[in-house]
Amino acid sequence: MKGLLSFTSPHGKERGFLALYILHTLQHEPKSGYDLLKEIEEKTNGAWVPSKGTLYPVLTHLEEEGLITVVETGARSKSICQTTGKGIEILRHFREDRDQQREKFLLLRDLHMEVFGEDRATLAEALWQMRAAVDRLPAEKTSAATRMIKECTEHLRSLGNDDSDTR
């Protein structure tokens, strides 16, 4: 699978975004497949919910490769999984390769802009540049950056007279 939303492991194996997300979320807390589906649905406000026919084969492959493991069998024989040390190492590799992943995502964004229009392309580009700058900040600068972004958000709200407190 060669795609804009695929990620290559150190051993050359391509993985989709769903596999990457599974490794990420299971490192924090063991979950069942059902829990993963519900979590994704919630985090995307229902915009993306992988089918069971998509999710469970990915879980099976990740387990066969030793990247996740079943830690318990819950009610109704639900397998509760967590990321293994090997899975965390793969996830670390993907995160270290952040710049390459960002470039791939920007290509996808460019395609999206081409299809759906460029009404706010300059503004969107400025936001992407801001995000890239934030990602490169050293940890000791995050407090100052957070203050700046909150101030900027307040100024933008005042431009639109929008008092709403959305994400």
Foldseek 3Di string as FASTA:
>chain_A
DDALQWDQFPVGDIHGPLLLVQQVVQQVPWAFLVVVQVVVCVVVVNPDGDDCVPRPVSVVVCVVVQQKHFPDQDPPRTTTIHGDPVVVVRSVVRVVVVVVSVVSVVVVVVVVCVVPHCPPVVVVVVVSVLVVVQVPDDPVCNVVSVVVVVVVVVVVCVVVVNPDDDD
